Amino acid sequence: MSEAKSEDQHLEKTIDALENSIKNESATGSSTAITSWIKTLSDHKGFQTIVHDLEKLKEAIADKDGKKVYTLLEKLGNETVKAAEKAEGGENKAITKLGKTLLKGSKLVEKLVGKDEK
């Protein structure tokens, strides 16, 4: 039971960090949350793609590569929303909120740096 509570707290802290980073246009809180999620998901089967994208996101933030940041946030947001569909109980609401927050972050970063025209 305490493991489920811990995961809920982890989700809430991540959502709060992302929302505050978006409001403050800062990556500091997000970087800590990203590191925490990399550690959490590394031990779970089926999350290697998300872990890899989180590592790339952390690098893009450190490099201040806004275009990579918003592309990765959008990809991670979509992957997270999909993962929420498979979650059980109340977790799916929190995971969906996390995914939507990631997508919101991608839109903000995209506005700040401009859309990458290919």
N, C-alpha and C. Protein backbone atom coordinates (compact mmCIF):
# COMPACT_ATOMS: atom_id res chain seq x y z
N MET A 1 0.82 -1.19 0.00
CA MET A 1 0.00 0.00 0.00
C MET A 1 0.86 1.26 0.00
N SER A 2 1.96 1.26 0.77
CA SER A 2 2.82 2.43 0.83
C SER A 2 3.52 2.67 -0.50
N GLU A 3 3.76 1.60 -1.28
CA GLU A 3 4.38 1.76 -2.59
C GLU A 3 3.45 2.52 -3.53
N ALA A 4 2.16 2.22 -3.48
CA ALA A 4 1.18 2.94 -4.30
C ALA A 4 1.11 4.41 -3.89
N LYS A 5 1.13 4.66 -2.58
CA LYS A 5 1.11 6.04 -2.09
C LYS A 5 2.37 6.77 -2.54
N SER A 6 3.51 6.10 -2.50
CA SER A 6 4.77 6.68 -2.93
C SER A 6 4.72 7.03 -4.42
N GLU A 7 4.15 6.14 -5.23
CA GLU A 7 4.04 6.42 -6.66
C GLU A 7 3.10 7.59 -6.92
N ASP A 8 2.01 7.68 -6.16
CA ASP A 8 1.10 8.82 -6.29
C ASP A 8 1.81 10.12 -5.93
N GLN A 9 2.59 10.10 -4.86
CA GLN A 9 3.34 11.29 -4.46
C GLN A 9 4.36 11.66 -5.53
N HIS A 10 5.00 10.66 -6.13
CA HIS A 10 5.97 10.88 -7.19
C HIS A 10 5.29 11.56 -8.38
N LEU A 11 4.13 11.07 -8.76
CA LEU A 11 3.36 11.68 -9.85
C LEU A 11 3.01 13.13 -9.53
N GLU A 12 2.50 13.36 -8.33
CA GLU A 12 2.09 14.71 -7.94
C GLU A 12 3.28 15.67 -7.92
N LYS A 13 4.43 15.21 -7.40
CA LYS A 13 5.62 16.06 -7.37
C LYS A 13 6.07 16.40 -8.78
N THR A 14 6.00 15.42 -9.69
CA THR A 14 6.40 15.66 -11.08
C THR A 14 5.46 16.66 -11.74
N ILE A 15 4.17 16.46 -11.55
CA ILE A 15 3.19 17.38 -12.14
C ILE A 15 3.42 18.79 -11.60
N ASP A 16 3.61 18.92 -10.29
CA ASP A 16 3.86 20.23 -9.69
C ASP A 16 5.14 20.86 -10.25
N ALA A 17 6.21 20.08 -10.36
CA ALA A 17 7.47 20.60 -10.89
C ALA A 17 7.31 21.07 -12.33
N LEU A 18 6.62 20.28 -13.13
CA LEU A 18 6.40 20.67 -14.52
C LEU A 18 5.54 21.92 -14.62
N GLU A 19 4.46 21.96 -13.86
CA GLU A 19 3.58 23.13 -13.91
C GLU A 19 4.30 24.38 -13.45
N ASN A 20 5.10 24.27 -12.39
CA ASN A 20 5.87 25.42 -11.91
C ASN A 20 6.94 25.83 -12.91
N SER A 21 7.59 24.85 -13.54
CA SER A 21 8.61 25.16 -14.54
C SER A 21 7.98 25.86 -15.74
N ILE A 22 6.79 25.41 -16.13
CA ILE A 22 6.09 26.04 -17.24
C ILE A 22 5.74 27.48 -16.89
N LYS A 23 5.19 27.68 -15.69
CA LYS A 23 4.79 29.02 -15.27
C LYS A 23 6.01 29.94 -15.17
N ASN A 24 7.12 29.42 -14.68
CA ASN A 24 8.32 30.23 -14.46
C ASN A 24 9.28 30.19 -15.64
N GLU A 25 8.90 29.44 -16.69
CA GLU A 25 9.76 29.27 -17.86
C GLU A 25 11.16 28.85 -17.43
N SER A 26 11.22 27.86 -16.55
CA SER A 26 12.47 27.37 -15.98
C SER A 26 12.53 25.86 -16.09
N ALA A 27 13.73 25.33 -16.26
CA ALA A 27 13.89 23.88 -16.38
C ALA A 27 14.44 23.25 -15.11
N THR A 28 14.77 24.05 -14.11
CA THR A 28 15.43 23.54 -12.92
C THR A 28 14.65 22.44 -12.21
N GLY A 29 13.40 22.69 -11.88
CA GLY A 29 12.59 21.69 -11.20
C GLY A 29 12.33 20.48 -12.06
N SER A 30 12.19 20.69 -13.35
CA SER A 30 11.93 19.59 -14.27
C SER A 30 13.11 18.64 -14.34
N SER A 31 14.32 19.16 -14.29
CA SER A 31 15.51 18.31 -14.38
C SER A 31 15.57 17.31 -13.24
N THR A 32 15.24 17.75 -12.04
CA THR A 32 15.21 16.86 -10.89
C THR A 32 14.14 15.79 -11.07
N ALA A 33 12.97 16.20 -11.55
CA ALA A 33 11.88 15.24 -11.78
C ALA A 33 12.27 14.24 -12.87
N ILE A 34 12.94 14.71 -13.91
CA ILE A 34 13.36 13.82 -15.00
C ILE A 34 14.31 12.76 -14.47
N THR A 35 15.29 13.17 -13.68
CA THR A 35 16.24 12.22 -13.10
C THR A 35 15.52 11.19 -12.25
N SER A 36 14.57 11.64 -11.47
CA SER A 36 13.80 10.73 -10.62
C SER A 36 13.02 9.73 -11.46
N TRP A 37 12.40 10.19 -12.54
CA TRP A 37 11.63 9.28 -13.40
C TRP A 37 12.53 8.30 -14.14
N ILE A 38 13.71 8.74 -14.54
CA ILE A 38 14.65 7.83 -15.20
C ILE A 38 14.98 6.68 -14.26
N LYS A 39 15.28 7.01 -12.99
CA LYS A 39 15.59 5.98 -12.00
C LYS A 39 14.40 5.06 -11.77
N THR A 40 13.21 5.64 -11.65
CA THR A 40 12.01 4.85 -11.38
C THR A 40 11.69 3.90 -12.53
N LEU A 41 11.72 4.40 -13.75
CA LEU A 41 11.29 3.61 -14.90
C LEU A 41 12.35 2.66 -15.44
N SER A 42 13.61 2.91 -15.10
CA SER A 42 14.70 2.05 -15.60
C SER A 42 14.53 0.60 -15.18
N ASP A 43 13.93 0.38 -14.03
CA ASP A 43 13.76 -0.98 -13.52
C ASP A 43 12.48 -1.66 -14.00
N HIS A 44 11.67 -0.96 -14.77
CA HIS A 44 10.39 -1.51 -15.23
C HIS A 44 10.48 -1.91 -16.70
N LYS A 45 10.05 -3.11 -16.96
CA LYS A 45 10.04 -3.63 -18.33
C LYS A 45 9.03 -2.85 -19.18
N GLY A 46 9.41 -2.57 -20.40
CA GLY A 46 8.50 -1.90 -21.32
C GLY A 46 8.60 -0.39 -21.33
N PHE A 47 9.49 0.18 -20.53
CA PHE A 47 9.61 1.63 -20.47
C PHE A 47 10.94 2.14 -21.02
N GLN A 48 11.69 1.29 -21.71
CA GLN A 48 13.01 1.69 -22.20
C GLN A 48 12.94 2.87 -23.16
N THR A 49 11.91 2.90 -24.01
CA THR A 49 11.78 4.02 -24.96
C THR A 49 11.55 5.32 -24.21
N ILE A 50 10.70 5.28 -23.21
CA ILE A 50 10.43 6.49 -22.42
C ILE A 50 11.68 6.91 -21.66
N VAL A 51 12.39 5.95 -21.08
CA VAL A 51 13.64 6.26 -20.36
C VAL A 51 14.64 6.91 -21.31
N HIS A 52 14.78 6.34 -22.50
CA HIS A 52 15.71 6.89 -23.50
C HIS A 52 15.30 8.33 -23.86
N ASP A 53 14.01 8.55 -24.08
CA ASP A 53 13.54 9.89 -24.41
C ASP A 53 13.73 10.86 -23.24
N LEU A 54 13.56 10.38 -22.01
CA LEU A 54 13.81 11.23 -20.85
C LEU A 54 15.28 11.63 -20.76
N GLU A 55 16.17 10.68 -21.06
CA GLU A 55 17.61 11.00 -21.06
C GLU A 55 17.92 12.03 -22.14
N LYS A 56 17.31 11.87 -23.32
CA LYS A 56 17.52 12.85 -24.40
C LYS A 56 16.95 14.21 -24.02
N LEU A 57 15.81 14.20 -23.32
CA LEU A 57 15.20 15.46 -22.87
C LEU A 57 16.11 16.18 -21.88
N LYS A 58 16.67 15.43 -20.95
CA LYS A 58 17.58 16.02 -19.97
C LYS A 58 18.78 16.66 -20.67
N GLU A 59 19.33 15.97 -21.67
CA GLU A 59 20.46 16.52 -22.45
C GLU A 59 20.04 17.77 -23.20
N ALA A 60 18.86 17.73 -23.83
CA ALA A 60 18.38 18.88 -24.60
C ALA A 60 18.18 20.10 -23.69
N ILE A 61 17.68 19.86 -22.48
CA ILE A 61 17.51 20.96 -21.52
C ILE A 61 18.87 21.53 -21.14
N ALA A 62 19.83 20.65 -20.86
CA ALA A 62 21.18 21.10 -20.49
C ALA A 62 21.83 21.88 -21.63
N ASP A 63 21.56 21.43 -22.87
CA ASP A 63 22.13 22.10 -24.05
C ASP A 63 21.32 23.34 -24.46
N LYS A 64 20.21 23.57 -23.77
CA LYS A 64 19.30 24.67 -24.09
C LYS A 64 18.84 24.61 -25.54
N ASP A 65 18.57 23.38 -26.00
CA ASP A 65 18.08 23.15 -27.36
C ASP A 65 16.56 23.09 -27.32
N GLY A 66 15.95 24.26 -27.42
CA GLY A 66 14.51 24.38 -27.28
C GLY A 66 13.72 23.54 -28.26
N LYS A 67 14.20 23.43 -29.49
CA LYS A 67 13.45 22.66 -30.49
C LYS A 67 13.42 21.17 -30.14
N LYS A 68 14.53 20.66 -29.65
CA LYS A 68 14.55 19.26 -29.20
C LYS A 68 13.67 19.09 -27.96
N VAL A 69 13.73 20.08 -27.07
CA VAL A 69 12.94 20.01 -25.84
C VAL A 69 11.46 19.90 -26.16
N TYR A 70 10.94 20.79 -27.01
CA TYR A 70 9.50 20.72 -27.26
C TYR A 70 9.11 19.48 -28.05
N THR A 71 9.99 19.01 -28.94
CA THR A 71 9.70 17.77 -29.68
C THR A 71 9.64 16.58 -28.73
N LEU A 72 10.61 16.50 -27.81
CA LEU A 72 10.63 15.39 -26.85
C LEU A 72 9.48 15.49 -25.85
N LEU A 73 9.17 16.69 -25.39
CA LEU A 73 8.04 16.86 -24.47
C LEU A 73 6.74 16.40 -25.12
N GLU A 74 6.58 16.76 -26.38
CA GLU A 74 5.36 16.35 -27.09
C GLU A 74 5.30 14.82 -27.23
N LYS A 75 6.42 14.22 -27.61
CA LYS A 75 6.47 12.76 -27.75
C LYS A 75 6.20 12.08 -26.41
N LEU A 76 6.87 12.56 -25.36
CA LEU A 76 6.67 11.98 -24.03
C LEU A 76 5.25 12.21 -23.52
N GLY A 77 4.68 13.36 -23.81
CA GLY A 77 3.30 13.64 -23.41
C GLY A 77 2.34 12.65 -24.05
N ASN A 78 2.51 12.44 -25.34
CA ASN A 78 1.64 11.48 -26.05
C ASN A 78 1.83 10.06 -25.53
N GLU A 79 3.09 9.66 -25.29
CA GLU A 79 3.37 8.32 -24.75
C GLU A 79 2.77 8.15 -23.36
N THR A 80 2.83 9.21 -22.56
CA THR A 80 2.31 9.16 -21.20
C THR A 80 0.79 9.05 -21.20
N VAL A 81 0.13 9.80 -22.07
CA VAL A 81 -1.33 9.71 -22.17
C VAL A 81 -1.73 8.29 -22.58
N LYS A 82 -0.99 7.70 -23.52
CA LYS A 82 -1.27 6.31 -23.93
C LYS A 82 -1.07 5.35 -22.76
N ALA A 83 0.01 5.56 -22.00
CA ALA A 83 0.28 4.69 -20.85
C ALA A 83 -0.84 4.81 -19.81
N ALA A 84 -1.41 6.00 -19.68
CA ALA A 84 -2.48 6.22 -18.71
C ALA A 84 -3.70 5.36 -19.02
N GLU A 85 -3.92 5.10 -20.30
CA GLU A 85 -5.06 4.28 -20.70
C GLU A 85 -4.95 2.86 -20.15
N LYS A 86 -3.72 2.42 -19.90
CA LYS A 86 -3.48 1.07 -19.39
C LYS A 86 -3.39 1.03 -17.87
N ALA A 87 -3.30 2.20 -17.25
CA ALA A 87 -3.17 2.27 -15.79
C ALA A 87 -4.49 1.90 -15.13
N GLU A 88 -4.36 1.42 -13.91
CA GLU A 88 -5.55 0.98 -13.17
C GLU A 88 -5.92 1.98 -12.09
N GLY A 89 -7.18 1.96 -11.73
CA GLY A 89 -7.66 2.77 -10.61
C GLY A 89 -7.47 4.25 -10.83
N GLY A 90 -7.19 4.94 -9.74
CA GLY A 90 -7.02 6.38 -9.78
C GLY A 90 -5.73 6.83 -10.44
N GLU A 91 -4.81 5.90 -10.64
CA GLU A 91 -3.54 6.26 -11.27
C GLU A 91 -3.74 6.85 -12.65
N ASN A 92 -4.72 6.35 -13.39
CA ASN A 92 -4.86 6.81 -14.77
C ASN A 92 -5.16 8.30 -14.85
N LYS A 93 -5.88 8.86 -13.88
CA LYS A 93 -6.15 10.29 -13.89
C LYS A 93 -4.87 11.09 -13.69
N ALA A 94 -4.05 10.67 -12.73
CA ALA A 94 -2.79 11.38 -12.46
C ALA A 94 -1.83 11.25 -13.63
N ILE A 95 -1.77 10.06 -14.24
CA ILE A 95 -0.86 9.85 -15.37
C ILE A 95 -1.34 10.64 -16.58
N THR A 96 -2.66 10.69 -16.78
CA THR A 96 -3.21 11.51 -17.87
C THR A 96 -2.87 12.97 -17.65
N LYS A 97 -3.00 13.44 -16.40
CA LYS A 97 -2.66 14.83 -16.08
C LYS A 97 -1.19 15.10 -16.36
N LEU A 98 -0.33 14.15 -16.01
CA LEU A 98 1.10 14.29 -16.29
C LEU A 98 1.32 14.42 -17.79
N GLY A 99 0.70 13.54 -18.57
CA GLY A 99 0.84 13.58 -20.03
C GLY A 99 0.38 14.91 -20.60
N LYS A 100 -0.75 15.40 -20.12
CA LYS A 100 -1.28 16.67 -20.61
C LYS A 100 -0.39 17.84 -20.20
N THR A 101 0.22 17.74 -19.02
CA THR A 101 1.15 18.77 -18.57
C THR A 101 2.40 18.78 -19.45
N LEU A 102 2.88 17.60 -19.82
CA LEU A 102 4.02 17.51 -20.75
C LEU A 102 3.66 18.14 -22.10
N LEU A 103 2.47 17.85 -22.59
CA LEU A 103 2.03 18.43 -23.86
C LEU A 103 1.90 19.95 -23.76
N LYS A 104 1.39 20.43 -22.63
CA LYS A 104 1.29 21.88 -22.40
C LYS A 104 2.68 22.51 -22.40
N GLY A 105 3.62 21.82 -21.75
CA GLY A 105 5.01 22.30 -21.73
C GLY A 105 5.60 22.36 -23.12
N SER A 106 5.30 21.36 -23.94
CA SER A 106 5.85 21.35 -25.31
C SER A 106 5.32 22.54 -26.10
N LYS A 107 4.05 22.87 -25.91
CA LYS A 107 3.46 24.02 -26.63
C LYS A 107 4.09 25.33 -26.17
N LEU A 108 4.35 25.47 -24.87
CA LEU A 108 4.98 26.68 -24.36
C LEU A 108 6.39 26.83 -24.93
N VAL A 109 7.17 25.76 -24.87
CA VAL A 109 8.54 25.82 -25.38
C VAL A 109 8.52 26.11 -26.88
N GLU A 110 7.59 25.49 -27.59
CA GLU A 110 7.47 25.73 -29.04
C GLU A 110 7.21 27.21 -29.32
N LYS A 111 6.33 27.83 -28.53
CA LYS A 111 6.05 29.26 -28.70
C LYS A 111 7.29 30.10 -28.43
N LEU A 112 8.06 29.70 -27.43
CA LEU A 112 9.24 30.48 -27.04
C LEU A 112 10.35 30.41 -28.08
N VAL A 113 10.52 29.23 -28.70
CA VAL A 113 11.65 29.06 -29.62
C VAL A 113 11.24 29.09 -31.08
N GLY A 114 9.96 28.99 -31.35
CA GLY A 114 9.49 28.95 -32.73
C GLY A 114 9.42 27.53 -33.25
N LYS A 115 8.48 27.29 -34.12
CA LYS A 115 8.27 25.95 -34.67
C LYS A 115 9.39 25.63 -35.65
N ASP A 116 9.86 24.39 -35.56
CA ASP A 116 10.91 23.90 -36.46
C ASP A 116 10.28 23.56 -37.80
N GLU A 117 10.59 24.33 -38.81
CA GLU A 117 10.06 24.08 -40.16
C GLU A 117 11.01 23.17 -40.90
N LYS A 118 10.50 22.01 -41.31
CA LYS A 118 11.36 21.06 -42.02
C LYS A 118 10.95 20.97 -43.46
